[in-house]
Amino acid sequence: MSFAKRFIPVLLLALLLTACSNTSAPAATALLVTGDQPEKSFTLEQLQAMPAAKASLNGEGYTGVVLKDLLEQAGYDPAAVNAVQAIASDGYSVKYGQDLAMLDNTLVAYAQADGPLSADDGTFRMVLPDQEGKMNVRMLAEIHVNP
C-alpha cells in the first residue's frame, strides 16, 4: 500500500476528531458592562482592587465583587436597575430580576476560596447562593443592565 493511501485515511480521521472535539469559548480577559450608560470594561486586576466579598455555592467558597457594587462602579444606580443579563463567552445567558441581582451575596466571582477559578469557570463567573446551577453563569463575559 502506498504512503498516500495510508496517509489520507489517517489525515481524514484526525480532521474529523478535531472537528468533533469539545471546543469551549475562550475565557474573557475583561468583563464588559453594557446598558444605557456608556459601556465599561473591567479587568481581573480592577475587580481584585475593589472590596472583596465571599459567598458559597454548593459547598464551594468564592471570592469576588458584589454585583450591585460593580454596577455602581459602572455608573448605574442599583436602586434603578430592573434586571441584569449575565452573558457567557459561549453565548449562554441568564436574566436576573432585581430581586436576585441586587442581593448582598450575588457575586461576580474571580477566585475560589483555595485559588483561582477553574478553567471551566473562566476568568469570571456569577455566584448566586441558593440558586440552581444554570443560574450561576460560568465564563462570564458581559453583564447587560436593563434599567
N, C-alpha and C. Protein backbone atom coordinates (compact mmCIF):
# COMPACT_ATOMS: atom_id res chain seq x y z
N MET A 1 0.85 -1.17 0.00
CA MET A 1 0.00 0.00 0.00
C MET A 1 0.90 1.24 0.00
N SER A 2 0.57 2.18 -0.85
CA SER A 2 1.40 3.37 -0.97
C SER A 2 1.21 4.29 0.24
N PHE A 3 2.17 5.16 0.40
CA PHE A 3 2.13 6.12 1.50
C PHE A 3 0.86 6.96 1.46
N ALA A 4 0.47 7.46 0.29
CA ALA A 4 -0.71 8.31 0.16
C ALA A 4 -1.97 7.57 0.57
N LYS A 5 -2.08 6.29 0.21
CA LYS A 5 -3.27 5.52 0.56
C LYS A 5 -3.35 5.28 2.07
N ARG A 6 -2.22 5.21 2.74
CA ARG A 6 -2.22 5.05 4.20
C ARG A 6 -2.39 6.39 4.89
N PHE A 7 -1.82 7.43 4.32
CA PHE A 7 -1.81 8.74 4.96
C PHE A 7 -3.18 9.44 4.89
N ILE A 8 -3.86 9.36 3.79
CA ILE A 8 -5.13 10.07 3.61
C ILE A 8 -6.18 9.62 4.63
N PRO A 9 -6.42 8.34 4.87
CA PRO A 9 -7.40 7.96 5.89
C PRO A 9 -7.03 8.46 7.30
N VAL A 10 -5.74 8.42 7.61
CA VAL A 10 -5.29 8.92 8.92
C VAL A 10 -5.54 10.42 9.03
N LEU A 11 -5.23 11.14 7.98
CA LEU A 11 -5.47 12.58 7.96
C LEU A 11 -6.95 12.89 8.10
N LEU A 12 -7.79 12.18 7.36
CA LEU A 12 -9.23 12.40 7.46
C LEU A 12 -9.75 12.10 8.87
N LEU A 13 -9.26 11.06 9.50
CA LEU A 13 -9.66 10.73 10.87
C LEU A 13 -9.23 11.83 11.83
N ALA A 14 -8.03 12.32 11.67
CA ALA A 14 -7.54 13.40 12.53
C ALA A 14 -8.38 14.66 12.37
N LEU A 15 -8.72 15.00 11.15
CA LEU A 15 -9.56 16.18 10.91
C LEU A 15 -10.96 16.00 11.51
N LEU A 16 -11.52 14.80 11.38
CA LEU A 16 -12.83 14.52 11.94
C LEU A 16 -12.80 14.63 13.46
N LEU A 17 -11.80 14.06 14.09
CA LEU A 17 -11.68 14.14 15.55
C LEU A 17 -11.49 15.57 16.03
N THR A 18 -10.74 16.36 15.29
CA THR A 18 -10.54 17.75 15.64
C THR A 18 -11.86 18.52 15.54
N ALA A 19 -12.61 18.28 14.50
CA ALA A 19 -13.89 18.97 14.31
C ALA A 19 -14.90 18.59 15.38
N CYS A 20 -14.84 17.36 15.89
CA CYS A 20 -15.79 16.89 16.89
C CYS A 20 -15.34 17.12 18.31
N SER A 21 -14.14 17.64 18.49
CA SER A 21 -13.64 17.83 19.85
C SER A 21 -14.43 18.93 20.55
N ASN A 22 -14.40 18.89 21.87
CA ASN A 22 -15.11 19.88 22.67
C ASN A 22 -14.31 21.17 22.67
N THR A 23 -14.76 22.13 21.91
CA THR A 23 -14.07 23.41 21.86
C THR A 23 -14.89 24.43 22.62
N SER A 24 -14.40 24.81 23.76
CA SER A 24 -15.12 25.80 24.55
C SER A 24 -14.64 27.18 24.15
N ALA A 25 -15.48 28.15 24.41
CA ALA A 25 -15.14 29.53 24.09
C ALA A 25 -13.99 29.98 24.99
N PRO A 26 -13.14 30.87 24.48
CA PRO A 26 -12.04 31.34 25.31
C PRO A 26 -12.55 32.16 26.48
N ALA A 27 -11.80 32.12 27.57
CA ALA A 27 -12.17 32.88 28.76
C ALA A 27 -12.04 34.37 28.47
N ALA A 28 -12.96 35.14 29.02
CA ALA A 28 -12.92 36.59 28.84
C ALA A 28 -11.72 37.16 29.59
N THR A 29 -11.03 38.11 28.99
CA THR A 29 -9.92 38.76 29.67
C THR A 29 -10.38 40.01 30.40
N ALA A 30 -11.57 40.48 30.04
CA ALA A 30 -12.17 41.63 30.72
C ALA A 30 -13.68 41.41 30.74
N LEU A 31 -14.30 41.96 31.74
CA LEU A 31 -15.75 41.86 31.90
C LEU A 31 -16.38 43.14 31.40
N LEU A 32 -17.30 43.02 30.48
CA LEU A 32 -17.96 44.16 29.88
C LEU A 32 -19.29 44.40 30.58
N VAL A 33 -19.57 45.67 30.92
CA VAL A 33 -20.87 46.05 31.48
C VAL A 33 -21.51 47.00 30.48
N THR A 34 -22.69 46.57 29.98
CA THR A 34 -23.39 47.35 28.95
C THR A 34 -24.80 47.68 29.42
N GLY A 35 -25.41 48.61 28.74
CA GLY A 35 -26.77 49.03 29.06
C GLY A 35 -26.98 50.43 28.53
N ASP A 36 -27.72 51.26 29.26
CA ASP A 36 -27.98 52.61 28.79
C ASP A 36 -26.91 53.62 29.22
N GLN A 37 -25.95 53.19 30.00
CA GLN A 37 -24.79 54.01 30.35
C GLN A 37 -23.66 53.69 29.38
N PRO A 38 -22.64 54.53 29.32
CA PRO A 38 -21.51 54.18 28.45
C PRO A 38 -20.93 52.81 28.84
N GLU A 39 -20.57 52.04 27.84
CA GLU A 39 -20.01 50.71 28.06
C GLU A 39 -18.74 50.81 28.91
N LYS A 40 -18.62 49.91 29.87
CA LYS A 40 -17.44 49.92 30.74
C LYS A 40 -16.87 48.51 30.80
N SER A 41 -15.54 48.45 30.79
CA SER A 41 -14.84 47.17 30.82
C SER A 41 -14.01 47.09 32.10
N PHE A 42 -14.02 45.93 32.75
CA PHE A 42 -13.26 45.71 33.98
C PHE A 42 -12.32 44.52 33.78
N THR A 43 -11.05 44.72 34.10
CA THR A 43 -10.09 43.63 34.05
C THR A 43 -10.14 42.87 35.38
N LEU A 44 -9.51 41.72 35.39
CA LEU A 44 -9.40 40.94 36.61
C LEU A 44 -8.73 41.76 37.71
N GLU A 45 -7.68 42.46 37.37
CA GLU A 45 -6.96 43.27 38.35
C GLU A 45 -7.84 44.39 38.92
N GLN A 46 -8.67 44.98 38.09
CA GLN A 46 -9.57 46.03 38.58
C GLN A 46 -10.60 45.46 39.55
N LEU A 47 -11.14 44.27 39.24
CA LEU A 47 -12.09 43.66 40.17
C LEU A 47 -11.39 43.30 41.48
N GLN A 48 -10.18 42.79 41.40
CA GLN A 48 -9.44 42.41 42.61
C GLN A 48 -9.12 43.62 43.47
N ALA A 49 -9.05 44.80 42.88
CA ALA A 49 -8.76 46.02 43.64
C ALA A 49 -10.00 46.56 44.36
N MET A 50 -11.18 46.09 44.00
CA MET A 50 -12.42 46.52 44.66
C MET A 50 -12.60 45.74 45.95
N PRO A 51 -13.46 46.25 46.84
CA PRO A 51 -13.73 45.50 48.08
C PRO A 51 -14.21 44.08 47.76
N ALA A 52 -13.56 43.10 48.37
CA ALA A 52 -13.88 41.70 48.10
C ALA A 52 -15.01 41.22 49.01
N ALA A 53 -15.80 40.33 48.47
CA ALA A 53 -16.88 39.67 49.22
C ALA A 53 -16.75 38.18 48.99
N LYS A 54 -17.35 37.42 49.88
CA LYS A 54 -17.30 35.95 49.78
C LYS A 54 -18.72 35.41 49.78
N ALA A 55 -18.87 34.30 49.06
CA ALA A 55 -20.16 33.60 49.03
C ALA A 55 -19.86 32.13 48.78
N SER A 56 -20.83 31.30 49.11
CA SER A 56 -20.67 29.87 48.94
C SER A 56 -21.76 29.34 48.01
N LEU A 57 -21.35 28.41 47.15
CA LEU A 57 -22.27 27.78 46.21
C LEU A 57 -21.96 26.29 46.19
N ASN A 58 -22.93 25.48 46.55
CA ASN A 58 -22.77 24.02 46.57
C ASN A 58 -21.53 23.59 47.35
N GLY A 59 -21.30 24.24 48.48
CA GLY A 59 -20.19 23.88 49.35
C GLY A 59 -18.84 24.44 48.94
N GLU A 60 -18.77 25.16 47.84
CA GLU A 60 -17.52 25.76 47.37
C GLU A 60 -17.53 27.26 47.68
N GLY A 61 -16.45 27.75 48.25
CA GLY A 61 -16.35 29.17 48.56
C GLY A 61 -15.82 29.95 47.37
N TYR A 62 -16.35 31.14 47.18
CA TYR A 62 -15.92 32.01 46.08
C TYR A 62 -15.63 33.40 46.62
N THR A 63 -14.72 34.08 45.94
CA THR A 63 -14.38 35.47 46.25
C THR A 63 -14.65 36.29 45.01
N GLY A 64 -15.21 37.47 45.22
CA GLY A 64 -15.49 38.34 44.09
C GLY A 64 -15.99 39.69 44.54
N VAL A 65 -16.72 40.33 43.65
CA VAL A 65 -17.29 41.65 43.89
C VAL A 65 -18.80 41.52 43.91
N VAL A 66 -19.44 42.16 44.86
CA VAL A 66 -20.90 42.16 44.91
C VAL A 66 -21.39 42.84 43.63
N LEU A 67 -22.33 42.17 42.94
CA LEU A 67 -22.81 42.67 41.65
C LEU A 67 -23.30 44.10 41.73
N LYS A 68 -24.08 44.43 42.75
CA LYS A 68 -24.62 45.80 42.80
C LYS A 68 -23.51 46.83 42.98
N ASP A 69 -22.41 46.46 43.67
CA ASP A 69 -21.26 47.37 43.81
C ASP A 69 -20.56 47.56 42.47
N LEU A 70 -20.44 46.48 41.70
CA LEU A 70 -19.83 46.56 40.38
C LEU A 70 -20.66 47.45 39.46
N LEU A 71 -21.97 47.28 39.52
CA LEU A 71 -22.85 48.11 38.69
C LEU A 71 -22.73 49.58 39.05
N GLU A 72 -22.59 49.84 40.33
CA GLU A 72 -22.40 51.22 40.78
C GLU A 72 -21.09 51.79 40.21
N GLN A 73 -20.03 50.98 40.23
CA GLN A 73 -18.75 51.40 39.65
C GLN A 73 -18.88 51.67 38.15
N ALA A 74 -19.81 50.99 37.50
CA ALA A 74 -20.03 51.17 36.06
C ALA A 74 -20.97 52.34 35.76
N GLY A 75 -21.44 53.02 36.80
CA GLY A 75 -22.27 54.21 36.59
C GLY A 75 -23.76 54.01 36.74
N TYR A 76 -24.18 52.87 37.26
CA TYR A 76 -25.60 52.59 37.44
C TYR A 76 -26.03 52.81 38.88
N ASP A 77 -27.26 53.26 39.05
CA ASP A 77 -27.87 53.35 40.37
C ASP A 77 -28.53 52.00 40.63
N PRO A 78 -28.01 51.19 41.57
CA PRO A 78 -28.57 49.86 41.80
C PRO A 78 -30.08 49.88 42.09
N ALA A 79 -30.57 50.93 42.71
CA ALA A 79 -32.00 51.02 43.01
C ALA A 79 -32.84 51.17 41.74
N ALA A 80 -32.22 51.65 40.66
CA ALA A 80 -32.96 51.86 39.41
C ALA A 80 -32.81 50.71 38.42
N VAL A 81 -32.06 49.67 38.80
CA VAL A 81 -31.85 48.53 37.91
C VAL A 81 -33.02 47.57 38.05
N ASN A 82 -33.69 47.27 36.94
CA ASN A 82 -34.82 46.34 36.95
C ASN A 82 -34.38 44.89 36.74
N ALA A 83 -33.38 44.70 35.88
CA ALA A 83 -32.92 43.35 35.58
C ALA A 83 -31.49 43.42 35.05
N VAL A 84 -30.83 42.28 35.13
CA VAL A 84 -29.46 42.15 34.65
C VAL A 84 -29.37 40.84 33.87
N GLN A 85 -28.70 40.87 32.74
CA GLN A 85 -28.48 39.66 31.97
C GLN A 85 -26.99 39.33 32.02
N ALA A 86 -26.67 38.13 32.50
CA ALA A 86 -25.29 37.65 32.53
C ALA A 86 -25.06 36.83 31.27
N ILE A 87 -24.03 37.18 30.51
CA ILE A 87 -23.77 36.55 29.23
C ILE A 87 -22.38 35.91 29.25
N ALA A 88 -22.33 34.62 28.93
CA ALA A 88 -21.07 33.88 28.90
C ALA A 88 -20.38 34.06 27.55
N SER A 89 -19.10 33.77 27.50
CA SER A 89 -18.35 33.90 26.26
C SER A 89 -18.82 32.94 25.18
N ASP A 90 -19.53 31.88 25.56
CA ASP A 90 -20.07 30.94 24.56
C ASP A 90 -21.50 31.29 24.15
N GLY A 91 -22.03 32.43 24.64
CA GLY A 91 -23.36 32.87 24.26
C GLY A 91 -24.47 32.51 25.23
N TYR A 92 -24.20 31.60 26.17
CA TYR A 92 -25.20 31.24 27.17
C TYR A 92 -25.50 32.48 28.02
N SER A 93 -26.77 32.69 28.34
CA SER A 93 -27.11 33.86 29.16
C SER A 93 -28.27 33.54 30.10
N VAL A 94 -28.30 34.28 31.19
CA VAL A 94 -29.36 34.17 32.18
C VAL A 94 -29.75 35.58 32.59
N LYS A 95 -31.05 35.81 32.68
CA LYS A 95 -31.55 37.12 33.10
C LYS A 95 -32.00 37.02 34.55
N TYR A 96 -31.54 37.97 35.37
CA TYR A 96 -31.91 38.04 36.78
C TYR A 96 -32.76 39.28 37.02
N GLY A 97 -33.84 39.10 37.72
CA GLY A 97 -34.64 40.24 38.14
C GLY A 97 -33.93 40.98 39.27
N GLN A 98 -34.44 42.12 39.61
CA GLN A 98 -33.84 42.93 40.67
C GLN A 98 -33.75 42.15 41.98
N ASP A 99 -34.73 41.28 42.24
CA ASP A 99 -34.75 40.51 43.49
C ASP A 99 -33.51 39.65 43.66
N LEU A 100 -32.95 39.10 42.59
CA LEU A 100 -31.73 38.29 42.68
C LEU A 100 -30.47 39.12 42.43
N ALA A 101 -30.52 40.00 41.46
CA ALA A 101 -29.34 40.76 41.07
C ALA A 101 -28.83 41.68 42.18
N MET A 102 -29.71 42.21 42.99
CA MET A 102 -29.30 43.20 43.98
C MET A 102 -29.10 42.63 45.39
N LEU A 103 -29.07 41.31 45.50
CA LEU A 103 -28.79 40.71 46.81
C LEU A 103 -27.34 40.98 47.21
N ASP A 104 -27.12 41.09 48.50
CA ASP A 104 -25.77 41.36 49.00
C ASP A 104 -24.80 40.21 48.78
N ASN A 105 -25.31 39.01 48.47
CA ASN A 105 -24.41 37.87 48.26
C ASN A 105 -24.38 37.41 46.81
N THR A 106 -24.92 38.20 45.87
CA THR A 106 -24.78 37.90 44.45
C THR A 106 -23.45 38.47 43.99
N LEU A 107 -22.56 37.57 43.60
CA LEU A 107 -21.19 37.97 43.27
C LEU A 107 -20.84 37.79 41.81
N VAL A 108 -19.94 38.62 41.36
CA VAL A 108 -19.15 38.35 40.17
C VAL A 108 -17.84 37.82 40.73
N ALA A 109 -17.69 36.51 40.68
CA ALA A 109 -16.53 35.87 41.30
C ALA A 109 -15.34 35.85 40.36
N TYR A 110 -14.16 35.99 40.96
CA TYR A 110 -12.91 35.90 40.21
C TYR A 110 -11.95 34.88 40.83
N ALA A 111 -12.35 34.25 41.96
CA ALA A 111 -11.49 33.26 42.60
C ALA A 111 -12.34 32.30 43.42
N GLN A 112 -11.79 31.12 43.64
CA GLN A 112 -12.36 30.18 44.59
C GLN A 112 -11.63 30.40 45.91
N ALA A 113 -12.15 29.82 46.97
CA ALA A 113 -11.54 30.00 48.28
C ALA A 113 -10.09 29.52 48.30
N ASP A 114 -9.78 28.49 47.51
CA ASP A 114 -8.44 27.91 47.55
C ASP A 114 -7.56 28.33 46.37
N GLY A 115 -7.98 29.32 45.61
CA GLY A 115 -7.15 29.79 44.49
C GLY A 115 -7.99 30.32 43.35
N PRO A 116 -7.41 30.38 42.17
CA PRO A 116 -8.14 30.94 41.03
C PRO A 116 -9.32 30.06 40.62
N LEU A 117 -10.21 30.63 39.84
CA LEU A 117 -11.32 29.86 39.29
C LEU A 117 -10.77 28.76 38.39
N SER A 118 -11.55 27.72 38.22
CA SER A 118 -11.14 26.61 37.35
C SER A 118 -11.21 27.06 35.89
N ALA A 119 -10.58 26.30 35.03
CA ALA A 119 -10.62 26.60 33.60
C ALA A 119 -12.06 26.55 33.08
N ASP A 120 -12.88 25.65 33.63
CA ASP A 120 -14.29 25.56 33.23
C ASP A 120 -15.07 26.80 33.63
N ASP A 121 -14.67 27.43 34.73
CA ASP A 121 -15.35 28.65 35.19
C ASP A 121 -14.96 29.87 34.37
N GLY A 122 -13.76 29.87 33.83
CA GLY A 122 -13.26 31.03 33.11
C GLY A 122 -12.66 32.04 34.07
N THR A 123 -12.49 33.25 33.61
CA THR A 123 -11.90 34.31 34.43
C THR A 123 -12.90 34.84 35.44
N PHE A 124 -14.17 34.90 35.04
CA PHE A 124 -15.24 35.42 35.88
C PHE A 124 -16.42 34.47 35.84
N ARG A 125 -17.20 34.45 36.91
CA ARG A 125 -18.45 33.69 36.92
C ARG A 125 -19.41 34.34 37.89
N MET A 126 -20.68 34.14 37.64
CA MET A 126 -21.71 34.61 38.57
C MET A 126 -21.86 33.58 39.67
N VAL A 127 -22.07 34.06 40.88
CA VAL A 127 -22.34 33.19 42.01
C VAL A 127 -23.57 33.73 42.71
N LEU A 128 -24.65 32.94 42.66
CA LEU A 128 -25.90 33.28 43.33
C LEU A 128 -26.19 32.14 44.30
N PRO A 129 -25.77 32.29 45.56
CA PRO A 129 -26.01 31.22 46.54
C PRO A 129 -27.48 30.86 46.58
N ASP A 130 -27.75 29.60 46.83
CA ASP A 130 -29.11 29.07 46.94
C ASP A 130 -29.86 29.03 45.61
N GLN A 131 -29.19 29.27 44.49
CA GLN A 131 -29.84 29.17 43.19
C GLN A 131 -29.28 27.94 42.46
N GLU A 132 -30.09 27.36 41.60
CA GLU A 132 -29.66 26.17 40.87
C GLU A 132 -28.50 26.50 39.93
N GLY A 133 -27.78 25.46 39.54
CA GLY A 133 -26.56 25.61 38.76
C GLY A 133 -26.67 26.47 37.52
N LYS A 134 -27.75 26.32 36.76
CA LYS A 134 -27.87 27.06 35.50
C LYS A 134 -27.96 28.57 35.70
N MET A 135 -28.25 29.00 36.91
CA MET A 135 -28.32 30.43 37.22
C MET A 135 -26.94 31.04 37.47
N ASN A 136 -25.95 30.20 37.71
CA ASN A 136 -24.59 30.63 38.06
C ASN A 136 -23.70 30.56 36.82
N VAL A 137 -23.78 31.57 36.00
CA VAL A 137 -23.15 31.59 34.69
C VAL A 137 -21.62 31.51 34.81
N ARG A 138 -21.06 30.52 34.12
CA ARG A 138 -19.60 30.38 34.03
C ARG A 138 -19.11 31.12 32.80
N MET A 139 -17.82 31.35 32.71
CA MET A 139 -17.20 32.02 31.56
C MET A 139 -17.87 33.37 31.30
N LEU A 140 -18.18 34.09 32.36
CA LEU A 140 -18.88 35.37 32.26
C LEU A 140 -18.07 36.36 31.45
N ALA A 141 -18.68 36.95 30.43
CA ALA A 141 -18.00 37.91 29.57
C ALA A 141 -18.67 39.28 29.59
N GLU A 142 -19.99 39.30 29.83
CA GLU A 142 -20.73 40.57 29.77
C GLU A 142 -21.88 40.56 30.75
N ILE A 143 -22.12 41.73 31.33
CA ILE A 143 -23.31 41.96 32.14
C ILE A 143 -24.08 43.08 31.46
N HIS A 144 -25.28 42.77 31.01
CA HIS A 144 -26.12 43.77 30.36
C HIS A 144 -27.18 44.23 31.36
N VAL A 145 -27.23 45.54 31.58
CA VAL A 145 -28.13 46.13 32.58
C VAL A 145 -29.39 46.64 31.89
N ASN A 146 -30.54 46.24 32.43
CA ASN A 146 -31.84 46.74 31.96
C ASN A 146 -32.43 47.64 33.04
N PRO A 147 -32.29 48.95 32.86
CA PRO A 147 -32.82 49.88 33.89
C PRO A 147 -34.34 49.93 33.89
